[in-house]
């Protein structure tokens, strides 16, 4: 599996708070499937980070782009392949 970092910047705080539970439920599905390495908010409240485990960039992109926070445009998405230095 390859790791991909989804950097999610909050651009609409009101809408983001409205869909936060849906966003968390969406990610929980992938946690249950073992497809998320890590996730969490930035401490400055500017957004969050999700590190997906996927077989390809296309697979990670599909997961990240279908996040309700991205679909509802409360957060912008930057997706990058990421390598952990922890073995």
PDB file of N, CA and C in Angstrom:
ATOM      1  N   UNK A   1       0.835  -1.187   0.000  1.00  0.00           N
ATOM      2  CA  UNK A   1       0.000   0.000   0.000  1.00  0.00           C
ATOM      3  C   UNK A   1       0.881   1.252   0.000  1.00  0.00           C
ATOM      4  N   UNK A   2       0.400   2.257  -0.681  1.00  0.00           N
ATOM      5  CA  UNK A   2       1.073   3.550  -0.753  1.00  0.00           C
ATOM      6  C   UNK A   2       0.301   4.520   0.139  1.00  0.00           C
ATOM      7  N   UNK A   3       1.012   5.432   0.779  1.00  0.00           N
ATOM      8  CA  UNK A   3       0.365   6.423   1.638  1.00  0.00           C
ATOM      9  C   UNK A   3       0.185   7.735   0.881  1.00  0.00           C
ATOM     10  N   UNK A   4      -0.984   8.347   1.066  1.00  0.00           N
ATOM     11  CA  UNK A   4      -1.308   9.621   0.433  1.00  0.00           C
ATOM     12  C   UNK A   4      -1.856  10.571   1.488  1.00  0.00           C
ATOM     13  N   UNK A   5      -1.285  11.767   1.550  1.00  0.00           N
ATOM     14  CA  UNK A   5      -1.722  12.779   2.512  1.00  0.00           C
ATOM     15  C   UNK A   5      -2.744  13.693   1.857  1.00  0.00           C
ATOM     16  N   UNK A   6      -3.926  13.736   2.447  1.00  0.00           N
ATOM     17  CA  UNK A   6      -4.971  14.658   2.015  1.00  0.00           C
ATOM     18  C   UNK A   6      -4.960  15.836   2.982  1.00  0.00           C
ATOM     19  N   UNK A   7      -4.543  16.984   2.492  1.00  0.00           N
ATOM     20  CA  UNK A   7      -4.499  18.193   3.299  1.00  0.00           C
ATOM     21  C   UNK A   7      -5.800  18.943   3.024  1.00  0.00           C
ATOM     22  N   UNK A   8      -6.605  19.088   4.064  1.00  0.00           N
ATOM     23  CA  UNK A   8      -7.938  19.670   3.926  1.00  0.00           C
ATOM     24  C   UNK A   8      -7.979  21.022   4.633  1.00  0.00           C
ATOM     25  N   UNK A   9      -8.017  22.094   3.851  1.00  0.00           N
ATOM     26  CA  UNK A   9      -8.042  23.444   4.418  1.00  0.00           C
ATOM     27  C   UNK A   9      -9.488  23.925   4.505  1.00  0.00           C
ATOM     28  N   UNK A  10      -9.898  24.362   5.686  1.00  0.00           N
ATOM     29  CA  UNK A  10     -11.252  24.873   5.880  1.00  0.00           C
ATOM     30  C   UNK A  10     -11.400  26.227   5.192  1.00  0.00           C
ATOM     31  N   UNK A  11     -12.440  26.337   4.346  1.00  0.00           N
ATOM     32  CA  UNK A  11     -12.712  27.594   3.654  1.00  0.00           C
ATOM     33  C   UNK A  11     -14.101  28.145   3.990  1.00  0.00           C
ATOM     34  N   UNK A  12     -14.956  27.318   4.589  1.00  0.00           N
ATOM     35  CA  UNK A  12     -16.297  27.756   5.000  1.00  0.00           C
ATOM     36  C   UNK A  12     -16.579  27.132   6.369  1.00  0.00           C
ATOM     37  N   UNK A  13     -16.244  27.867   7.428  1.00  0.00           N
ATOM     38  CA  UNK A  13     -16.341  27.324   8.791  1.00  0.00           C
ATOM     39  C   UNK A  13     -17.769  26.938   9.170  1.00  0.00           C
ATOM     40  N   UNK A  14     -18.743  27.739   8.794  1.00  0.00           N
ATOM     41  CA  UNK A  14     -20.136  27.448   9.149  1.00  0.00           C
ATOM     42  C   UNK A  14     -20.590  26.140   8.510  1.00  0.00           C
ATOM     43  N   UNK A  15     -20.360  26.014   7.216  1.00  0.00           N
ATOM     44  CA  UNK A  15     -20.753  24.794   6.513  1.00  0.00           C
ATOM     45  C   UNK A  15     -19.970  23.595   7.045  1.00  0.00           C
ATOM     46  N   UNK A  16     -18.692  23.818   7.361  1.00  0.00           N
ATOM     47  CA  UNK A  16     -17.853  22.733   7.864  1.00  0.00           C
ATOM     48  C   UNK A  16     -18.403  22.177   9.177  1.00  0.00           C
ATOM     49  N   UNK A  17     -18.853  23.053  10.062  1.00  0.00           N
ATOM     50  CA  UNK A  17     -19.427  22.600  11.337  1.00  0.00           C
ATOM     51  C   UNK A  17     -20.732  21.837  11.107  1.00  0.00           C
ATOM     52  N   UNK A  18     -21.507  22.256  10.112  1.00  0.00           N
ATOM     53  CA  UNK A  18     -22.777  21.597   9.811  1.00  0.00           C
ATOM     54  C   UNK A  18     -22.585  20.163   9.323  1.00  0.00           C
ATOM     55  N   UNK A  19     -21.499  19.915   8.593  1.00  0.00           N
ATOM     56  CA  UNK A  19     -21.297  18.576   8.016  1.00  0.00           C
ATOM     57  C   UNK A  19     -20.214  17.771   8.728  1.00  0.00           C
ATOM     58  N   UNK A  20     -19.718  18.260   9.846  1.00  0.00           N
ATOM     59  CA  UNK A  20     -18.610  17.596  10.542  1.00  0.00           C
ATOM     60  C   UNK A  20     -18.921  16.141  10.883  1.00  0.00           C
ATOM     61  N   UNK A  21     -20.117  15.860  11.378  1.00  0.00           N
ATOM     62  CA  UNK A  21     -20.464  14.479  11.726  1.00  0.00           C
ATOM     63  C   UNK A  21     -20.498  13.578  10.494  1.00  0.00           C
ATOM     64  N   UNK A  22     -20.977  14.104   9.371  1.00  0.00           N
ATOM     65  CA  UNK A  22     -21.018  13.324   8.125  1.00  0.00           C
ATOM     66  C   UNK A  22     -19.595  13.054   7.642  1.00  0.00           C
ATOM     67  N   UNK A  23     -18.747  14.064   7.732  1.00  0.00           N
ATOM     68  CA  UNK A  23     -17.331  13.928   7.362  1.00  0.00           C
ATOM     69  C   UNK A  23     -16.663  12.840   8.209  1.00  0.00           C
ATOM     70  N   UNK A  24     -16.884  12.882   9.523  1.00  0.00           N
ATOM     71  CA  UNK A  24     -16.285  11.885  10.422  1.00  0.00           C
ATOM     72  C   UNK A  24     -16.804  10.483  10.127  1.00  0.00           C
ATOM     73  N   UNK A  25     -18.097  10.349   9.853  1.00  0.00           N
ATOM     74  CA  UNK A  25     -18.678   9.038   9.531  1.00  0.00           C
ATOM     75  C   UNK A  25     -18.098   8.500   8.231  1.00  0.00           C
ATOM     76  N   UNK A  26     -17.893   9.376   7.254  1.00  0.00           N
ATOM     77  CA  UNK A  26     -17.298   8.973   5.978  1.00  0.00           C
ATOM     78  C   UNK A  26     -15.900   8.404   6.213  1.00  0.00           C
ATOM     79  N   UNK A  27     -15.097   9.091   7.007  1.00  0.00           N
ATOM     80  CA  UNK A  27     -13.740   8.622   7.283  1.00  0.00           C
ATOM     81  C   UNK A  27     -13.744   7.341   8.109  1.00  0.00           C
ATOM     82  N   UNK A  28     -14.695   7.197   9.021  1.00  0.00           N
ATOM     83  CA  UNK A  28     -14.764   5.998   9.858  1.00  0.00           C
ATOM     84  C   UNK A  28     -14.917   4.740   9.012  1.00  0.00           C
ATOM     85  N   UNK A  29     -15.652   4.835   7.920  1.00  0.00           N
ATOM     86  CA  UNK A  29     -15.817   3.698   7.009  1.00  0.00           C
ATOM     87  C   UNK A  29     -14.448   3.211   6.516  1.00  0.00           C
ATOM     88  N   UNK A  30     -13.575   4.140   6.163  1.00  0.00           N
ATOM     89  CA  UNK A  30     -12.247   3.767   5.670  1.00  0.00           C
ATOM     90  C   UNK A  30     -11.321   3.320   6.802  1.00  0.00           C
ATOM     91  N   UNK A  31     -11.512   3.854   7.993  1.00  0.00           N
ATOM     92  CA  UNK A  31     -10.758   3.360   9.152  1.00  0.00           C
ATOM     93  C   UNK A  31     -11.108   1.896   9.382  1.00  0.00           C
ATOM     94  N   UNK A  32     -12.402   1.590   9.352  1.00  0.00           N
ATOM     95  CA  UNK A  32     -12.867   0.213   9.560  1.00  0.00           C
ATOM     96  C   UNK A  32     -12.329  -0.736   8.500  1.00  0.00           C
ATOM     97  N   UNK A  33     -12.103  -0.228   7.288  1.00  0.00           N
ATOM     98  CA  UNK A  33     -11.573  -1.039   6.189  1.00  0.00           C
ATOM     99  C   UNK A  33     -10.045  -1.074   6.176  1.00  0.00           C
ATOM    100  N   UNK A  34      -9.405  -0.368   7.105  1.00  0.00           N
ATOM    101  CA  UNK A  34      -7.944  -0.333   7.163  1.00  0.00           C
ATOM    102  C   UNK A  34      -7.316   0.542   6.098  1.00  0.00           C
ATOM    103  N   UNK A  35      -8.058   1.523   5.578  1.00  0.00           N
ATOM    104  CA  UNK A  35      -7.557   2.364   4.495  1.00  0.00           C
ATOM    105  C   UNK A  35      -7.128   3.757   4.945  1.00  0.00           C
ATOM    106  N   UNK A  36      -7.106   3.982   6.265  1.00  0.00           N
ATOM    107  CA  UNK A  36      -6.600   5.252   6.784  1.00  0.00           C
ATOM    108  C   UNK A  36      -5.488   4.958   7.780  1.00  0.00           C
ATOM    109  N   UNK A  37      -4.335   5.576   7.537  1.00  0.00           N
ATOM    110  CA  UNK A  37      -3.162   5.427   8.391  1.00  0.00           C
ATOM    111  C   UNK A  37      -3.257   6.354   9.601  1.00  0.00           C
ATOM    112  N   UNK A  38      -3.737   7.581   9.368  1.00  0.00           N
ATOM    113  CA  UNK A  38      -3.877   8.580  10.437  1.00  0.00           C
ATOM    114  C   UNK A  38      -4.835   9.662   9.962  1.00  0.00           C
ATOM    115  N   UNK A  39      -5.411  10.369  10.927  1.00  0.00           N
ATOM    116  CA  UNK A  39      -6.276  11.506  10.590  1.00  0.00           C
ATOM    117  C   UNK A  39      -6.396  12.409  11.801  1.00  0.00           C
ATOM    118  N   UNK A  40      -6.742  13.660  11.553  1.00  0.00           N
ATOM    119  CA  UNK A  40      -6.978  14.573  12.654  1.00  0.00           C
ATOM    120  C   UNK A  40      -6.929  16.020  12.225  1.00  0.00           C
ATOM    121  N   UNK A  41      -7.437  16.891  13.101  1.00  0.00           N
ATOM    122  CA  UNK A  41      -7.466  18.320  12.792  1.00  0.00           C
ATOM    123  C   UNK A  41      -6.128  18.992  13.103  1.00  0.00           C
ATOM    124  N   UNK A  42      -5.887  20.107  12.432  1.00  0.00           N
ATOM    125  CA  UNK A  42      -4.752  20.949  12.784  1.00  0.00           C
ATOM    126  C   UNK A  42      -5.125  21.739  14.037  1.00  0.00           C
ATOM    127  N   UNK A  43      -4.184  21.947  14.922  1.00  0.00           N
ATOM    128  CA  UNK A  43      -4.475  22.610  16.196  1.00  0.00           C
ATOM    129  C   UNK A  43      -4.811  24.090  16.034  1.00  0.00           C
ATOM    130  N   UNK A  44      -4.505  24.668  14.874  1.00  0.00           N
ATOM    131  CA  UNK A  44      -4.860  26.075  14.647  1.00  0.00           C
ATOM    132  C   UNK A  44      -6.251  26.217  14.021  1.00  0.00           C
ATOM    133  N   UNK A  45      -6.978  25.107  13.924  1.00  0.00           N
ATOM    134  CA  UNK A  45      -8.353  25.078  13.414  1.00  0.00           C
ATOM    135  C   UNK A  45      -8.452  25.480  11.943  1.00  0.00           C
ATOM    136  N   UNK A  46      -7.367  25.331  11.191  1.00  0.00           N
ATOM    137  CA  UNK A  46      -7.376  25.709   9.776  1.00  0.00           C
ATOM    138  C   UNK A  46      -7.821  24.573   8.864  1.00  0.00           C
ATOM    139  N   UNK A  47      -8.047  23.395   9.420  1.00  0.00           N
ATOM    140  CA  UNK A  47      -8.429  22.236   8.614  1.00  0.00           C
ATOM    141  C   UNK A  47      -7.909  20.968   9.248  1.00  0.00           C
ATOM    142  N   UNK A  48      -7.573  20.004   8.406  1.00  0.00           N
ATOM    143  CA  UNK A  48      -7.098  18.737   8.938  1.00  0.00           C
ATOM    144  C   UNK A  48      -6.305  17.946   7.920  1.00  0.00           C
ATOM    145  N   UNK A  49      -5.886  16.767   8.344  1.00  0.00           N
ATOM    146  CA  UNK A  49      -5.061  15.886   7.536  1.00  0.00           C
ATOM    147  C   UNK A  49      -5.617  14.475   7.626  1.00  0.00           C
ATOM    148  N   UNK A  50      -5.698  13.819   6.472  1.00  0.00           N
ATOM    149  CA  UNK A  50      -6.051  12.402   6.420  1.00  0.00           C
ATOM    150  C   UNK A  50      -4.957  11.720   5.622  1.00  0.00           C
ATOM    151  N   UNK A  51      -4.385  10.652   6.165  1.00  0.00           N
ATOM    152  CA  UNK A  51      -3.392   9.882   5.418  1.00  0.00           C
ATOM    153  C   UNK A  51      -4.047   8.567   5.025  1.00  0.00           C
ATOM    154  N   UNK A  52      -4.335   8.472   3.720  1.00  0.00           N
ATOM    155  CA  UNK A  52      -4.985   7.284   3.167  1.00  0.00           C
ATOM    156  C   UNK A  52      -3.953   6.231   2.790  1.00  0.00           C
ATOM    157  N   UNK A  53      -4.351   4.967   2.893  1.00  0.00           N
ATOM    158  CA  UNK A  53      -3.562   3.845   2.388  1.00  0.00           C
ATOM    159  C   UNK A  53      -4.283   3.346   1.143  1.00  0.00           C
ATOM    160  N   UNK A  54      -3.586   3.363  -0.002  1.00  0.00           N
ATOM    161  CA  UNK A  54      -4.229   2.989  -1.259  1.00  0.00           C
ATOM    162  C   UNK A  54      -3.231   2.295  -2.174  1.00  0.00           C
ATOM    163  N   UNK A  55      -3.764   1.629  -3.182  1.00  0.00           N
ATOM    164  CA  UNK A  55      -2.918   0.944  -4.164  1.00  0.00           C
ATOM    165  C   UNK A  55      -2.440   1.877  -5.265  1.00  0.00           C
ATOM    166  N   UNK A  56      -3.099   3.035  -5.420  1.00  0.00           N
ATOM    167  CA  UNK A  56      -2.732   3.966  -6.482  1.00  0.00           C
ATOM    168  C   UNK A  56      -3.186   5.372  -6.114  1.00  0.00           C
ATOM    169  N   UNK A  57      -2.631   6.338  -6.833  1.00  0.00           N
ATOM    170  CA  UNK A  57      -3.052   7.725  -6.646  1.00  0.00           C
ATOM    171  C   UNK A  57      -4.536   7.869  -6.967  1.00  0.00           C
ATOM    172  N   UNK A  58      -4.977   7.183  -8.012  1.00  0.00           N
ATOM    173  CA  UNK A  58      -6.378   7.273  -8.429  1.00  0.00           C
ATOM    174  C   UNK A  58      -7.319   6.786  -7.328  1.00  0.00           C
ATOM    175  N   UNK A  59      -6.948   5.699  -6.657  1.00  0.00           N
ATOM    176  CA  UNK A  59      -7.778   5.177  -5.565  1.00  0.00           C
ATOM    177  C   UNK A  59      -7.836   6.180  -4.409  1.00  0.00           C
ATOM    178  N   UNK A  60      -6.693   6.732  -4.040  1.00  0.00           N
ATOM    179  CA  UNK A  60      -6.656   7.720  -2.960  1.00  0.00           C
ATOM    180  C   UNK A  60      -7.438   8.972  -3.347  1.00  0.00           C
ATOM    181  N   UNK A  61      -7.308   9.395  -4.592  1.00  0.00           N
ATOM    182  CA  UNK A  61      -8.019  10.576  -5.081  1.00  0.00           C
ATOM    183  C   UNK A  61      -9.524  10.371  -5.004  1.00  0.00           C
ATOM    184  N   UNK A  62      -9.980   9.195  -5.366  1.00  0.00           N
ATOM    185  CA  UNK A  62     -11.413   8.903  -5.300  1.00  0.00           C
ATOM    186  C   UNK A  62     -11.926   8.988  -3.860  1.00  0.00           C
ATOM    187  N   UNK A  63     -11.179   8.407  -2.922  1.00  0.00           N
ATOM    188  CA  UNK A  63     -11.588   8.477  -1.514  1.00  0.00           C
ATOM    189  C   UNK A  63     -11.604   9.925  -1.028  1.00  0.00           C
ATOM    190  N   UNK A  64     -10.540  10.659  -1.328  1.00  0.00           N
ATOM    191  CA  UNK A  64     -10.405  12.030  -0.832  1.00  0.00           C
ATOM    192  C   UNK A  64     -11.428  12.975  -1.465  1.00  0.00           C
ATOM    193  N   UNK A  65     -11.649  12.842  -2.767  1.00  0.00           N
ATOM    194  CA  UNK A  65     -12.570  13.751  -3.457  1.00  0.00           C
ATOM    195  C   UNK A  65     -14.027  13.499  -3.092  1.00  0.00           C
ATOM    196  N   UNK A  66     -14.345  12.313  -2.589  1.00  0.00           N
ATOM    197  CA  UNK A  66     -15.714  11.998  -2.202  1.00  0.00           C
ATOM    198  C   UNK A  66     -15.999  12.270  -0.731  1.00  0.00           C
ATOM    199  N   UNK A  67     -15.034  12.821  -0.027  1.00  0.00           N
ATOM    200  CA  UNK A  67     -15.243  13.261   1.352  1.00  0.00           C
ATOM    201  C   UNK A  67     -16.317  14.352   1.322  1.00  0.00           C
ATOM    202  N   UNK A  68     -17.345  14.240   2.159  1.00  0.00           N
ATOM    203  CA  UNK A  68     -18.399  15.262   2.174  1.00  0.00           C
ATOM    204  C   UNK A  68     -17.874  16.689   2.362  1.00  0.00           C
ATOM    205  N   UNK A  69     -16.802  16.866   3.099  1.00  0.00           N
ATOM    206  CA  UNK A  69     -16.240  18.208   3.295  1.00  0.00           C
ATOM    207  C   UNK A  69     -15.712  18.780   1.982  1.00  0.00           C
ATOM    208  N   UNK A  70     -15.204  17.923   1.121  1.00  0.00           N
ATOM    209  CA  UNK A  70     -14.715  18.353  -0.191  1.00  0.00           C
ATOM    210  C   UNK A  70     -15.901  18.557  -1.137  1.00  0.00           C
ATOM    211  N   UNK A  71     -16.821  17.597  -1.152  1.00  0.00           N
ATOM    212  CA  UNK A  71     -17.994  17.696  -2.030  1.00  0.00           C
ATOM    213  C   UNK A  71     -18.841  18.928  -1.715  1.00  0.00           C
ATOM    214  N   UNK A  72     -18.969  19.248  -0.435  1.00  0.00           N
ATOM    215  CA  UNK A  72     -19.778  20.402  -0.015  1.00  0.00           C
ATOM    216  C   UNK A  72     -18.989  21.717  -0.044  1.00  0.00           C
ATOM    217  N   UNK A  73     -17.722  21.612  -0.451  1.00  0.00           N
ATOM    218  CA  UNK A  73     -16.841  22.778  -0.596  1.00  0.00           C
ATOM    219  C   UNK A  73     -16.619  23.560   0.707  1.00  0.00           C
ATOM    220  N   UNK A  74     -16.686  22.846   1.828  1.00  0.00           N
ATOM    221  CA  UNK A  74     -16.320  23.502   3.089  1.00  0.00           C
ATOM    222  C   UNK A  74     -14.812  23.418   3.323  1.00  0.00           C
ATOM    223  N   UNK A  75     -14.159  22.512   2.577  1.00  0.00           N
ATOM    224  CA  UNK A  75     -12.699  22.375   2.657  1.00  0.00           C
ATOM    225  C   UNK A  75     -12.131  22.174   1.258  1.00  0.00           C
ATOM    226  N   UNK A  76     -10.938  22.711   1.043  1.00  0.00           N
ATOM    227  CA  UNK A  76     -10.220  22.444  -0.197  1.00  0.00           C
ATOM    228  C   UNK A  76      -9.325  21.234   0.022  1.00  0.00           C
ATOM    229  N   UNK A  77      -8.938  20.599  -1.057  1.00  0.00           N
ATOM    230  CA  UNK A  77      -8.142  19.375  -0.985  1.00  0.00           C
ATOM    231  C   UNK A  77      -6.842  19.526  -1.753  1.00  0.00           C
ATOM    232  N   UNK A  78      -5.747  19.140  -1.110  1.00  0.00           N
ATOM    233  CA  UNK A  78      -4.462  18.931  -1.772  1.00  0.00           C
ATOM    234  C   UNK A  78      -4.066  17.508  -1.420  1.00  0.00           C
ATOM    235  N   UNK A  79      -3.802  16.686  -2.437  1.00  0.00           N
ATOM    236  CA  UNK A  79      -3.462  15.278  -2.222  1.00  0.00           C
ATOM    237  C   UNK A  79      -2.053  15.018  -2.722  1.00  0.00           C
ATOM    238  N   UNK A  80      -1.216  14.453  -1.846  1.00  0.00           N
ATOM    239  CA  UNK A  80       0.183  14.173  -2.193  1.00  0.00           C
ATOM    240  C   UNK A  80       0.576  12.792  -1.696  1.00  0.00           C
ATOM    241  N   UNK A  81       1.399  12.111  -2.490  1.00  0.00           N
ATOM    242  CA  UNK A  81       1.964  10.850  -2.007  1.00  0.00           C
ATOM    243  C   UNK A  81       2.872  11.187  -0.834  1.00  0.00           C
ATOM    244  N   UNK A  82       2.827  10.337   0.196  1.00  0.00           N
ATOM    245  CA  UNK A  82       3.557  10.607   1.434  1.00  0.00           C
ATOM    246  C   UNK A  82       4.308   9.355   1.859  1.00  0.00           C
ATOM    247  N   UNK A  83       5.502   9.544   2.394  1.00  0.00           N
ATOM    248  CA  UNK A  83       6.296   8.407   2.866  1.00  0.00           C
ATOM    249  C   UNK A  83       6.573   8.579   4.356  1.00  0.00           C
ATOM    250  N   UNK A  84       6.234   7.557   5.113  1.00  0.00           N
ATOM    251  CA  UNK A  84       6.519   7.561   6.540  1.00  0.00           C
ATOM    252  C   UNK A  84       7.954   7.108   6.761  1.00  0.00           C
ATOM    253  N   UNK A  85       8.652   7.774   7.643  1.00  0.00           N
ATOM    254  CA  UNK A  85      10.012   7.369   8.000  1.00  0.00           C
ATOM    255  C   UNK A  85      10.028   6.445   9.205  1.00  0.00           C
ATOM    256  N   UNK A  86       8.843   6.079   9.681  1.00  0.00           N
ATOM    257  CA  UNK A  86       8.732   5.146  10.797  1.00  0.00           C
ATOM    258  C   UNK A  86       8.472   3.763  10.229  1.00  0.00           C
ATOM    259  N   UNK A  87       9.291   2.831  10.584  1.00  0.00           N
ATOM    260  CA  UNK A  87       9.140   1.454  10.088  1.00  0.00           C
ATOM    261  C   UNK A  87       8.365   0.633  11.081  1.00  0.00           C
TER     262      UNK A  87
END
